[in-house]
Amino acid sequence: MIRLTVWKSKNQYRGFSFEGHAGYAPEGEDIICAAVSALALNTVNSIEVFTDDFFEQELSEDGGYLRMAFRGSVSEKTSLLMDSLLLGITNIQAEYGSEYITLTYEEV
């Protein structure tokens, strides 16, 4: 199962982490893992290229872990990109079920 945790402080994004694998299909054929990975990596790359926001990130080599934490305030562009990421994730979850992906919000 993929576990996505989103950290917020007073309604502002502070970061997120993805952990695990969906287990929907064998490695290399898992469309849920592929979709989630594409959304997550595109979000990180888009924030890096299209905003001036600062963040730290960790990524495991096997693809089962991604962590991104913002340093300082978060721009409207980053908030929109995060909203887009979460829209995509919730759509995947609605289509395939909570047994493959869970989304949790934590106040920090």
PDB file of N, CA and C in Angstrom:
ATOM      1  N   MET A   1       0.831  -1.174   0.000  1.00  0.00           N
ATOM      2  CA  MET A   1       0.000   0.000   0.000  1.00  0.00           C
ATOM      3  C   MET A   1       0.887   1.254   0.000  1.00  0.00           C
ATOM      4  N   ILE A   2       0.457   2.253  -0.740  1.00  0.00           N
ATOM      5  CA  ILE A   2       1.141   3.554  -0.743  1.00  0.00           C
ATOM      6  C   ILE A   2       0.470   4.412   0.325  1.00  0.00           C
ATOM      7  N   ARG A   3       1.278   4.962   1.219  1.00  0.00           N
ATOM      8  CA  ARG A   3       0.780   5.856   2.254  1.00  0.00           C
ATOM      9  C   ARG A   3       1.304   7.262   1.986  1.00  0.00           C
ATOM     10  N   LEU A   4       0.383   8.172   1.704  1.00  0.00           N
ATOM     11  CA  LEU A   4       0.733   9.572   1.503  1.00  0.00           C
ATOM     12  C   LEU A   4       0.332  10.337   2.746  1.00  0.00           C
ATOM     13  N   THR A   5       1.288  11.044   3.327  1.00  0.00           N
ATOM     14  CA  THR A   5       1.028  11.919   4.463  1.00  0.00           C
ATOM     15  C   THR A   5       1.340  13.340   4.026  1.00  0.00           C
ATOM     16  N   VAL A   6       0.391  14.236   4.234  1.00  0.00           N
ATOM     17  CA  VAL A   6       0.559  15.651   3.892  1.00  0.00           C
ATOM     18  C   VAL A   6       0.600  16.432   5.193  1.00  0.00           C
ATOM     19  N   TRP A   7       1.620  17.258   5.343  1.00  0.00           N
ATOM     20  CA  TRP A   7       1.775  18.080   6.539  1.00  0.00           C
ATOM     21  C   TRP A   7       1.315  19.496   6.241  1.00  0.00           C
ATOM     22  N   LYS A   8       0.494  20.013   7.137  1.00  0.00           N
ATOM     23  CA  LYS A   8       0.009  21.387   7.006  1.00  0.00           C
ATOM     24  C   LYS A   8       0.164  22.094   8.352  1.00  0.00           C
ATOM     25  N   SER A   9       0.323  23.400   8.270  1.00  0.00           N
ATOM     26  CA  SER A   9       0.360  24.241   9.459  1.00  0.00           C
ATOM     27  C   SER A   9      -0.521  25.450   9.191  1.00  0.00           C
ATOM     28  N   LYS A  10      -1.579  25.573   9.958  1.00  0.00           N
ATOM     29  CA  LYS A  10      -2.512  26.694   9.791  1.00  0.00           C
ATOM     30  C   LYS A  10      -2.955  26.830   8.336  1.00  0.00           C
ATOM     31  N   ASN A  11      -3.328  25.733   7.748  1.00  0.00           N
ATOM     32  CA  ASN A  11      -3.858  25.666   6.386  1.00  0.00           C
ATOM     33  C   ASN A  11      -2.812  25.930   5.294  1.00  0.00           C
ATOM     34  N   GLN A  12      -1.534  25.918   5.645  1.00  0.00           N
ATOM     35  CA  GLN A  12      -0.471  26.080   4.658  1.00  0.00           C
ATOM     36  C   GLN A  12       0.313  24.767   4.558  1.00  0.00           C
ATOM     37  N   TYR A  13       0.612  24.360   3.326  1.00  0.00           N
ATOM     38  CA  TYR A  13       1.379  23.135   3.123  1.00  0.00           C
ATOM     39  C   TYR A  13       2.775  23.275   3.714  1.00  0.00           C
ATOM     40  N   ARG A  14       3.222  22.220   4.406  1.00  0.00           N
ATOM     41  CA  ARG A  14       4.574  22.177   4.954  1.00  0.00           C
ATOM     42  C   ARG A  14       5.385  21.050   4.334  1.00  0.00           C
ATOM     43  N   GLY A  15       4.726  20.115   3.646  1.00  0.00           N
ATOM     44  CA  GLY A  15       5.449  19.037   2.990  1.00  0.00           C
ATOM     45  C   GLY A  15       4.599  17.794   2.860  1.00  0.00           C
ATOM     46  N   PHE A  16       5.234  16.721   2.402  1.00  0.00           N
ATOM     47  CA  PHE A  16       4.536  15.448   2.247  1.00  0.00           C
ATOM     48  C   PHE A  16       5.540  14.310   2.198  1.00  0.00           C
ATOM     49  N   SER A  17       5.025  13.100   2.401  1.00  0.00           N
ATOM     50  CA  SER A  17       5.841  11.907   2.199  1.00  0.00           C
ATOM     51  C   SER A  17       4.990  10.812   1.579  1.00  0.00           C
ATOM     52  N   PHE A  18       5.596  10.080   0.674  1.00  0.00           N
ATOM     53  CA  PHE A  18       5.013   8.884   0.083  1.00  0.00           C
ATOM     54  C   PHE A  18       5.855   7.719   0.562  1.00  0.00           C
ATOM     55  N   GLU A  19       5.193   6.644   1.023  1.00  0.00           N
ATOM     56  CA  GLU A  19       5.904   5.449   1.463  1.00  0.00           C
ATOM     57  C   GLU A  19       5.180   4.211   0.956  1.00  0.00           C
ATOM     58  N   GLY A  20       5.947   3.236   0.496  1.00  0.00           N
ATOM     59  CA  GLY A  20       5.399   1.950   0.126  1.00  0.00           C
ATOM     60  C   GLY A  20       5.120   1.800  -1.358  1.00  0.00           C
ATOM     61  N   HIS A  21       4.560   0.649  -1.690  1.00  0.00           N
ATOM     62  CA  HIS A  21       4.186   0.299  -3.058  1.00  0.00           C
ATOM     63  C   HIS A  21       2.735  -0.138  -3.055  1.00  0.00           C
ATOM     64  N   ALA A  22       2.031   0.102  -4.129  1.00  0.00           N
ATOM     65  CA  ALA A  22       0.601  -0.182  -4.178  1.00  0.00           C
ATOM     66  C   ALA A  22       0.292  -1.671  -4.061  1.00  0.00           C
ATOM     67  N   GLY A  23       1.057  -2.512  -4.719  1.00  0.00           N
ATOM     68  CA  GLY A  23       0.771  -3.940  -4.713  1.00  0.00           C
ATOM     69  C   GLY A  23      -0.397  -4.317  -5.608  1.00  0.00           C
ATOM     70  N   TYR A  24      -0.722  -3.457  -6.546  1.00  0.00           N
ATOM     71  CA  TYR A  24      -1.830  -3.705  -7.469  1.00  0.00           C
ATOM     72  C   TYR A  24      -1.460  -4.757  -8.515  1.00  0.00           C
ATOM     73  N   ALA A  25      -0.213  -4.750  -8.931  1.00  0.00           N
ATOM     74  CA  ALA A  25       0.282  -5.673  -9.953  1.00  0.00           C
ATOM     75  C   ALA A  25       1.773  -5.908  -9.702  1.00  0.00           C
ATOM     76  N   PRO A  26       2.380  -6.873 -10.389  1.00  0.00           N
ATOM     77  CA  PRO A  26       3.817  -7.108 -10.218  1.00  0.00           C
ATOM     78  C   PRO A  26       4.640  -5.856 -10.558  1.00  0.00           C
ATOM     79  N   GLU A  27       5.823  -5.784  -9.948  1.00  0.00           N
ATOM     80  CA  GLU A  27       6.731  -4.669 -10.205  1.00  0.00           C
ATOM     81  C   GLU A  27       6.944  -4.519 -11.708  1.00  0.00           C
ATOM     82  N   GLY A  28       6.883  -3.298 -12.178  1.00  0.00           N
ATOM     83  CA  GLY A  28       7.035  -3.012 -13.595  1.00  0.00           C
ATOM     84  C   GLY A  28       5.717  -3.005 -14.348  1.00  0.00           C
ATOM     85  N   GLU A  29       4.660  -3.502 -13.718  1.00  0.00           N
ATOM     86  CA  GLU A  29       3.336  -3.526 -14.346  1.00  0.00           C
ATOM     87  C   GLU A  29       2.285  -2.814 -13.498  1.00  0.00           C
ATOM     88  N   ASP A  30       2.699  -2.262 -12.381  1.00  0.00           N
ATOM     89  CA  ASP A  30       1.764  -1.661 -11.425  1.00  0.00           C
ATOM     90  C   ASP A  30       1.398  -0.243 -11.865  1.00  0.00           C
ATOM     91  N   ILE A  31       0.210  -0.099 -12.441  1.00  0.00           N
ATOM     92  CA  ILE A  31      -0.200   1.204 -12.975  1.00  0.00           C
ATOM     93  C   ILE A  31      -0.474   2.216 -11.867  1.00  0.00           C
ATOM     94  N   ILE A  32      -0.854   1.754 -10.687  1.00  0.00           N
ATOM     95  CA  ILE A  32      -1.081   2.692  -9.585  1.00  0.00           C
ATOM     96  C   ILE A  32       0.244   3.284  -9.125  1.00  0.00           C
ATOM     97  N   CYS A  33       1.246   2.440  -8.930  1.00  0.00           N
ATOM     98  CA  CYS A  33       2.577   2.953  -8.554  1.00  0.00           C
ATOM     99  C   CYS A  33       3.109   3.916  -9.614  1.00  0.00           C
ATOM    100  N   ALA A  34       2.940   3.557 -10.866  1.00  0.00           N
ATOM    101  CA  ALA A  34       3.431   4.410 -11.953  1.00  0.00           C
ATOM    102  C   ALA A  34       2.727   5.768 -11.951  1.00  0.00           C
ATOM    103  N   ALA A  35       1.418   5.755 -11.776  1.00  0.00           N
ATOM    104  CA  ALA A  35       0.664   7.009 -11.779  1.00  0.00           C
ATOM    105  C   ALA A  35       1.038   7.891 -10.591  1.00  0.00           C
ATOM    106  N   VAL A  36       1.118   7.286  -9.407  1.00  0.00           N
ATOM    107  CA  VAL A  36       1.470   8.046  -8.206  1.00  0.00           C
ATOM    108  C   VAL A  36       2.884   8.597  -8.319  1.00  0.00           C
ATOM    109  N   SER A  37       3.808   7.794  -8.807  1.00  0.00           N
ATOM    110  CA  SER A  37       5.192   8.254  -8.987  1.00  0.00           C
ATOM    111  C   SER A  37       5.260   9.421  -9.956  1.00  0.00           C
ATOM    112  N   ALA A  38       4.538   9.323 -11.053  1.00  0.00           N
ATOM    113  CA  ALA A  38       4.544  10.413 -12.047  1.00  0.00           C
ATOM    114  C   ALA A  38       3.992  11.697 -11.439  1.00  0.00           C
ATOM    115  N   LEU A  39       2.885  11.592 -10.720  1.00  0.00           N
ATOM    116  CA  LEU A  39       2.304  12.778 -10.086  1.00  0.00           C
ATOM    117  C   LEU A  39       3.260  13.391  -9.062  1.00  0.00           C
ATOM    118  N   ALA A  40       3.830  12.553  -8.203  1.00  0.00           N
ATOM    119  CA  ALA A  40       4.705  13.053  -7.135  1.00  0.00           C
ATOM    120  C   ALA A  40       5.967  13.697  -7.699  1.00  0.00           C
ATOM    121  N   LEU A  41       6.632  13.007  -8.616  1.00  0.00           N
ATOM    122  CA  LEU A  41       7.875  13.553  -9.167  1.00  0.00           C
ATOM    123  C   LEU A  41       7.619  14.799 -10.006  1.00  0.00           C
ATOM    124  N   ASN A  42       6.515  14.821 -10.734  1.00  0.00           N
ATOM    125  CA  ASN A  42       6.190  16.020 -11.517  1.00  0.00           C
ATOM    126  C   ASN A  42       5.898  17.205 -10.600  1.00  0.00           C
ATOM    127  N   THR A  43       5.262  16.947  -9.470  1.00  0.00           N
ATOM    128  CA  THR A  43       4.998  18.024  -8.514  1.00  0.00           C
ATOM    129  C   THR A  43       6.306  18.599  -7.969  1.00  0.00           C
ATOM    130  N   VAL A  44       7.209  17.735  -7.547  1.00  0.00           N
ATOM    131  CA  VAL A  44       8.500  18.192  -7.029  1.00  0.00           C
ATOM    132  C   VAL A  44       9.250  18.984  -8.110  1.00  0.00           C
ATOM    133  N   ASN A  45       9.315  18.437  -9.314  1.00  0.00           N
ATOM    134  CA  ASN A  45      10.025  19.122 -10.401  1.00  0.00           C
ATOM    135  C   ASN A  45       9.364  20.446 -10.763  1.00  0.00           C
ATOM    136  N   SER A  46       8.042  20.491 -10.761  1.00  0.00           N
ATOM    137  CA  SER A  46       7.328  21.725 -11.092  1.00  0.00           C
ATOM    138  C   SER A  46       7.558  22.800 -10.042  1.00  0.00           C
ATOM    139  N   ILE A  47       7.543  22.426  -8.773  1.00  0.00           N
ATOM    140  CA  ILE A  47       7.808  23.399  -7.710  1.00  0.00           C
ATOM    141  C   ILE A  47       9.229  23.933  -7.839  1.00  0.00           C
ATOM    142  N   GLU A  48      10.166  23.058  -8.171  1.00  0.00           N
ATOM    143  CA  GLU A  48      11.554  23.482  -8.329  1.00  0.00           C
ATOM    144  C   GLU A  48      11.727  24.444  -9.510  1.00  0.00           C
ATOM    145  N   VAL A  49      11.070  24.165 -10.619  1.00  0.00           N
ATOM    146  CA  VAL A  49      11.255  24.956 -11.846  1.00  0.00           C
ATOM    147  C   VAL A  49      10.390  26.219 -11.867  1.00  0.00           C
ATOM    148  N   PHE A  50       9.155  26.122 -11.402  1.00  0.00           N
ATOM    149  CA  PHE A  50       8.199  27.214 -11.587  1.00  0.00           C
ATOM    150  C   PHE A  50       8.008  28.122 -10.387  1.00  0.00           C
ATOM    151  N   THR A  51       8.667  27.820  -9.258  1.00  0.00           N
ATOM    152  CA  THR A  51       8.528  28.680  -8.083  1.00  0.00           C
ATOM    153  C   THR A  51       9.909  29.012  -7.525  1.00  0.00           C
ATOM    154  N   ASP A  52       9.909  29.936  -6.589  1.00  0.00           N
ATOM    155  CA  ASP A  52      11.141  30.292  -5.887  1.00  0.00           C
ATOM    156  C   ASP A  52      11.144  29.718  -4.468  1.00  0.00           C
ATOM    157  N   ASP A  53      10.221  28.809  -4.190  1.00  0.00           N
ATOM    158  CA  ASP A  53      10.118  28.221  -2.860  1.00  0.00           C
ATOM    159  C   ASP A  53      11.275  27.260  -2.609  1.00  0.00           C
ATOM    160  N   PHE A  54      11.674  27.188  -1.345  1.00  0.00           N
ATOM    161  CA  PHE A  54      12.774  26.316  -0.949  1.00  0.00           C
ATOM    162  C   PHE A  54      12.232  25.074  -0.277  1.00  0.00           C
ATOM    163  N   PHE A  55      12.882  23.946  -0.524  1.00  0.00           N
ATOM    164  CA  PHE A  55      12.461  22.695   0.078  1.00  0.00           C
ATOM    165  C   PHE A  55      13.627  21.732   0.150  1.00  0.00           C
ATOM    166  N   GLU A  56      13.442  20.734   0.995  1.00  0.00           N
ATOM    167  CA  GLU A  56      14.386  19.623   1.098  1.00  0.00           C
ATOM    168  C   GLU A  56      13.648  18.391   0.619  1.00  0.00           C
ATOM    169  N   GLN A  57      14.388  17.459   0.028  1.00  0.00           N
ATOM    170  CA  GLN A  57      13.743  16.224  -0.410  1.00  0.00           C
ATOM    171  C   GLN A  57      14.639  15.027  -0.166  1.00  0.00           C
ATOM    172  N   GLU A  58      13.997  13.891   0.041  1.00  0.00           N
ATOM    173  CA  GLU A  58      14.670  12.600   0.159  1.00  0.00           C
ATOM    174  C   GLU A  58      13.943  11.645  -0.770  1.00  0.00           C
ATOM    175  N   LEU A  59      14.708  10.787  -1.425  1.00  0.00           N
ATOM    176  CA  LEU A  59      14.138   9.838  -2.366  1.00  0.00           C
ATOM    177  C   LEU A  59      14.905   8.537  -2.262  1.00  0.00           C
ATOM    178  N   SER A  60      14.191   7.423  -2.107  1.00  0.00           N
ATOM    179  CA  SER A  60      14.881   6.136  -2.048  1.00  0.00           C
ATOM    180  C   SER A  60      15.129   5.628  -3.463  1.00  0.00           C
ATOM    181  N   GLU A  61      16.170   4.843  -3.608  1.00  0.00           N
ATOM    182  CA  GLU A  61      16.530   4.319  -4.922  1.00  0.00           C
ATOM    183  C   GLU A  61      15.516   3.329  -5.464  1.00  0.00           C
ATOM    184  N   ASP A  62      14.833   2.593  -4.583  1.00  0.00           N
ATOM    185  CA  ASP A  62      13.859   1.607  -5.055  1.00  0.00           C
ATOM    186  C   ASP A  62      12.502   2.228  -5.366  1.00  0.00           C
ATOM    187  N   GLY A  63      12.372   3.530  -5.154  1.00  0.00           N
ATOM    188  CA  GLY A  63      11.132   4.218  -5.488  1.00  0.00           C
ATOM    189  C   GLY A  63      10.037   4.081  -4.455  1.00  0.00           C
ATOM    190  N   GLY A  64      10.311   3.504  -3.316  1.00  0.00           N
ATOM    191  CA  GLY A  64       9.280   3.293  -2.309  1.00  0.00           C
ATOM    192  C   GLY A  64       9.187   4.393  -1.273  1.00  0.00           C
ATOM    193  N   TYR A  65       9.943   5.483  -1.457  1.00  0.00           N
ATOM    194  CA  TYR A  65       9.923   6.557  -0.467  1.00  0.00           C
ATOM    195  C   TYR A  65      10.285   7.883  -1.113  1.00  0.00           C
ATOM    196  N   LEU A  66       9.459   8.894  -0.868  1.00  0.00           N
ATOM    197  CA  LEU A  66       9.731  10.262  -1.286  1.00  0.00           C
ATOM    198  C   LEU A  66       9.237  11.173  -0.178  1.00  0.00           C
ATOM    199  N   ARG A  67      10.099  12.077   0.240  1.00  0.00           N
ATOM    200  CA  ARG A  67       9.754  13.051   1.278  1.00  0.00           C
ATOM    201  C   ARG A  67      10.150  14.424   0.778  1.00  0.00           C
ATOM    202  N   MET A  68       9.246  15.390   0.938  1.00  0.00           N
ATOM    203  CA  MET A  68       9.524  16.773   0.563  1.00  0.00           C
ATOM    204  C   MET A  68       9.052  17.664   1.703  1.00  0.00           C
ATOM    205  N   ALA A  69       9.936  18.535   2.206  1.00  0.00           N
ATOM    206  CA  ALA A  69       9.588  19.451   3.288  1.00  0.00           C
ATOM    207  C   ALA A  69       9.937  20.868   2.863  1.00  0.00           C
ATOM    208  N   PHE A  70       8.972  21.766   2.988  1.00  0.00           N
ATOM    209  CA  PHE A  70       9.196  23.159   2.601  1.00  0.00           C
ATOM    210  C   PHE A  70       9.932  23.898   3.705  1.00  0.00           C
ATOM    211  N   ARG A  71      10.808  24.790   3.284  1.00  0.00           N
ATOM    212  CA  ARG A  71      11.520  25.671   4.213  1.00  0.00           C
ATOM    213  C   ARG A  71      11.006  27.075   3.961  1.00  0.00           C
ATOM    214  N   GLY A  72      10.444  27.676   4.962  1.00  0.00           N
ATOM    215  CA  GLY A  72       9.897  29.018   4.805  1.00  0.00           C
ATOM    216  C   GLY A  72       8.465  28.984   4.302  1.00  0.00           C
ATOM    217  N   SER A  73       8.012  30.153   3.855  1.00  0.00           N
ATOM    218  CA  SER A  73       6.630  30.254   3.398  1.00  0.00           C
ATOM    219  C   SER A  73       6.463  29.591   2.027  1.00  0.00           C
ATOM    220  N   VAL A  74       5.221  29.267   1.707  1.00  0.00           N
ATOM    221  CA  VAL A  74       4.888  28.582   0.463  1.00  0.00           C
ATOM    222  C   VAL A  74       4.057  29.522  -0.398  1.00  0.00           C
ATOM    223  N   SER A  75       4.446  29.664  -1.653  1.00  0.00           N
ATOM    224  CA  SER A  75       3.770  30.575  -2.570  1.00  0.00           C
ATOM    225  C   SER A  75       2.426  30.024  -3.039  1.00  0.00           C
ATOM    226  N   GLU A  76       1.638  30.896  -3.658  1.00  0.00           N
ATOM    227  CA  GLU A  76       0.368  30.468  -4.243  1.00  0.00           C
ATOM    228  C   GLU A  76       0.588  29.425  -5.335  1.00  0.00           C
ATOM    229  N   LYS A  77       1.668  29.571  -6.099  1.00  0.00           N
ATOM    230  CA  LYS A  77       1.966  28.593  -7.151  1.00  0.00           C
ATOM    231  C   LYS A  77       2.194  27.207  -6.551  1.00  0.00           C
ATOM    232  N   THR A  78       2.974  27.152  -5.487  1.00  0.00           N
ATOM    233  CA  THR A  78       3.230  25.867  -4.844  1.00  0.00           C
ATOM    234  C   THR A  78       1.950  25.297  -4.259  1.00  0.00           C
ATOM    235  N   SER A  79       1.130  26.127  -3.647  1.00  0.00           N
ATOM    236  CA  SER A  79      -0.149  25.655  -3.108  1.00  0.00           C
ATOM    237  C   SER A  79      -1.016  25.065  -4.220  1.00  0.00           C
ATOM    238  N   LEU A  80      -1.050  25.719  -5.369  1.00  0.00           N
ATOM    239  CA  LEU A  80      -1.822  25.208  -6.497  1.00  0.00           C
ATOM    240  C   LEU A  80      -1.256  23.876  -6.993  1.00  0.00           C
ATOM    241  N   LEU A  81       0.060  23.773  -7.081  1.00  0.00           N
ATOM    242  CA  LEU A  81       0.679  22.517  -7.508  1.00  0.00           C
ATOM    243  C   LEU A  81       0.398  21.399  -6.509  1.00  0.00           C
ATOM    244  N   MET A  82       0.418  21.708  -5.227  1.00  0.00           N
ATOM    245  CA  MET A  82       0.078  20.709  -4.212  1.00  0.00           C
ATOM    246  C   MET A  82      -1.392  20.309  -4.307  1.00  0.00           C
ATOM    247  N   ASP A  83      -2.271  21.293  -4.517  1.00  0.00           N
ATOM    248  CA  ASP A  83      -3.691  20.985  -4.703  1.00  0.00           C
ATOM    249  C   ASP A  83      -3.884  20.049  -5.898  1.00  0.00           C
ATOM    250  N   SER A  84      -3.145  20.290  -6.961  1.00  0.00           N
ATOM    251  CA  SER A  84      -3.226  19.450  -8.155  1.00  0.00           C
ATOM    252  C   SER A  84      -2.743  18.026  -7.868  1.00  0.00           C
ATOM    253  N   LEU A  85      -1.642  17.905  -7.137  1.00  0.00           N
ATOM    254  CA  LEU A  85      -1.142  16.588  -6.732  1.00  0.00           C
ATOM    255  C   LEU A  85      -2.216  15.829  -5.955  1.00  0.00           C
ATOM    256  N   LEU A  86      -2.823  16.488  -4.989  1.00  0.00           N
ATOM    257  CA  LEU A  86      -3.812  15.828  -4.141  1.00  0.00           C
ATOM    258  C   LEU A  86      -5.083  15.496  -4.908  1.00  0.00           C
ATOM    259  N   LEU A  87      -5.450  16.311  -5.866  1.00  0.00           N
ATOM    260  CA  LEU A  87      -6.583  15.988  -6.735  1.00  0.00           C
ATOM    261  C   LEU A  87      -6.303  14.692  -7.495  1.00  0.00           C
ATOM    262  N   GLY A  88      -5.123  14.585  -8.068  1.00  0.00           N
ATOM    263  CA  GLY A  88      -4.754  13.370  -8.793  1.00  0.00           C
ATOM    264  C   GLY A  88      -4.737  12.145  -7.902  1.00  0.00           C
ATOM    265  N   ILE A  89      -4.173  12.290  -6.715  1.00  0.00           N
ATOM    266  CA  ILE A  89      -4.102  11.156  -5.779  1.00  0.00           C
ATOM    267  C   ILE A  89      -5.498  10.724  -5.343  1.00  0.00           C
ATOM    268  N   THR A  90      -6.356  11.685  -5.001  1.00  0.00           N
ATOM    269  CA  THR A  90      -7.703  11.313  -4.556  1.00  0.00           C
ATOM    270  C   THR A  90      -8.512  10.686  -5.693  1.00  0.00           C
ATOM    271  N   ASN A  91      -8.259  11.107  -6.931  1.00  0.00           N
ATOM    272  CA  ASN A  91      -8.935  10.482  -8.071  1.00  0.00           C
ATOM    273  C   ASN A  91      -8.473   9.028  -8.249  1.00  0.00           C
ATOM    274  N   ILE A  92      -7.190   8.782  -8.086  1.00  0.00           N
ATOM    275  CA  ILE A  92      -6.669   7.409  -8.162  1.00  0.00           C
ATOM    276  C   ILE A  92      -7.275   6.570  -7.046  1.00  0.00           C
ATOM    277  N   GLN A  93      -7.295   7.122  -5.859  1.00  0.00           N
ATOM    278  CA  GLN A  93      -7.860   6.411  -4.710  1.00  0.00           C
ATOM    279  C   GLN A  93      -9.341   6.098  -4.939  1.00  0.00           C
ATOM    280  N   ALA A  94     -10.092   7.038  -5.482  1.00  0.00           N
ATOM    281  CA  ALA A  94     -11.518   6.815  -5.739  1.00  0.00           C
ATOM    282  C   ALA A  94     -11.725   5.738  -6.804  1.00  0.00           C
ATOM    283  N   GLU A  95     -10.854   5.703  -7.795  1.00  0.00           N
ATOM    284  CA  GLU A  95     -10.980   4.741  -8.891  1.00  0.00           C
ATOM    285  C   GLU A  95     -10.573   3.327  -8.489  1.00  0.00           C
ATOM    286  N   TYR A  96      -9.490   3.200  -7.701  1.00  0.00           N
ATOM    287  CA  TYR A  96      -8.922   1.881  -7.415  1.00  0.00           C
ATOM    288  C   TYR A  96      -9.124   1.398  -5.977  1.00  0.00           C
ATOM    289  N   GLY A  97      -9.405   2.316  -5.066  1.00  0.00           N
ATOM    290  CA  GLY A  97      -9.701   1.906  -3.703  1.00  0.00           C
ATOM    291  C   GLY A  97      -8.620   2.218  -2.687  1.00  0.00           C
ATOM    292  N   SER A  98      -9.054   2.302  -1.444  1.00  0.00           N
ATOM    293  CA  SER A  98      -8.162   2.633  -0.332  1.00  0.00           C
ATOM    294  C   SER A  98      -7.225   1.498   0.050  1.00  0.00           C
ATOM    295  N   GLU A  99      -7.422   0.315  -0.511  1.00  0.00           N
ATOM    296  CA  GLU A  99      -6.493  -0.777  -0.192  1.00  0.00           C
ATOM    297  C   GLU A  99      -5.160  -0.612  -0.912  1.00  0.00           C
ATOM    298  N   TYR A 100      -5.083   0.316  -1.881  1.00  0.00           N
ATOM    299  CA  TYR A 100      -3.840   0.540  -2.616  1.00  0.00           C
ATOM    300  C   TYR A 100      -3.152   1.856  -2.254  1.00  0.00           C
ATOM    301  N   ILE A 101      -3.951   2.836  -1.818  1.00  0.00           N
ATOM    302  CA  ILE A 101      -3.372   4.138  -1.483  1.00  0.00           C
ATOM    303  C   ILE A 101      -4.211   4.804  -0.391  1.00  0.00           C
ATOM    304  N   THR A 102      -3.520   5.346   0.608  1.00  0.00           N
ATOM    305  CA  THR A 102      -4.202   6.101   1.661  1.00  0.00           C
ATOM    306  C   THR A 102      -3.604   7.502   1.729  1.00  0.00           C
ATOM    307  N   LEU A 103      -4.435   8.435   2.131  1.00  0.00           N
ATOM    308  CA  LEU A 103      -4.040   9.834   2.245  1.00  0.00           C
ATOM    309  C   LEU A 103      -4.394  10.303   3.649  1.00  0.00           C
ATOM    310  N   THR A 104      -3.383  10.845   4.345  1.00  0.00           N
ATOM    311  CA  THR A 104      -3.573  11.352   5.701  1.00  0.00           C
ATOM    312  C   THR A 104      -3.015  12.765   5.776  1.00  0.00           C
ATOM    313  N   TYR A 105      -3.749  13.626   6.472  1.00  0.00           N
ATOM    314  CA  TYR A 105      -3.275  14.988   6.736  1.00  0.00           C
ATOM    315  C   TYR A 105      -2.835  15.067   8.185  1.00  0.00           C
ATOM    316  N   GLU A 106      -1.699  15.729   8.420  1.00  0.00           N
ATOM    317  CA  GLU A 106      -1.212  15.950   9.780  1.00  0.00           C
ATOM    318  C   GLU A 106      -0.951  17.434   9.985  1.00  0.00           C
ATOM    319  N   GLU A 107      -1.435  17.958  11.094  1.00  0.00           N
ATOM    320  CA  GLU A 107      -1.159  19.335  11.472  1.00  0.00           C
ATOM    321  C   GLU A 107       0.202  19.359  12.173  1.00  0.00           C
ATOM    322  N   VAL A 108       1.071  20.232  11.714  1.00  0.00           N
ATOM    323  CA  VAL A 108       2.421  20.331  12.306  1.00  0.00           C
ATOM    324  C   VAL A 108       2.682  21.730  12.817  1.00  0.00           C
TER     325      VAL A 108
END
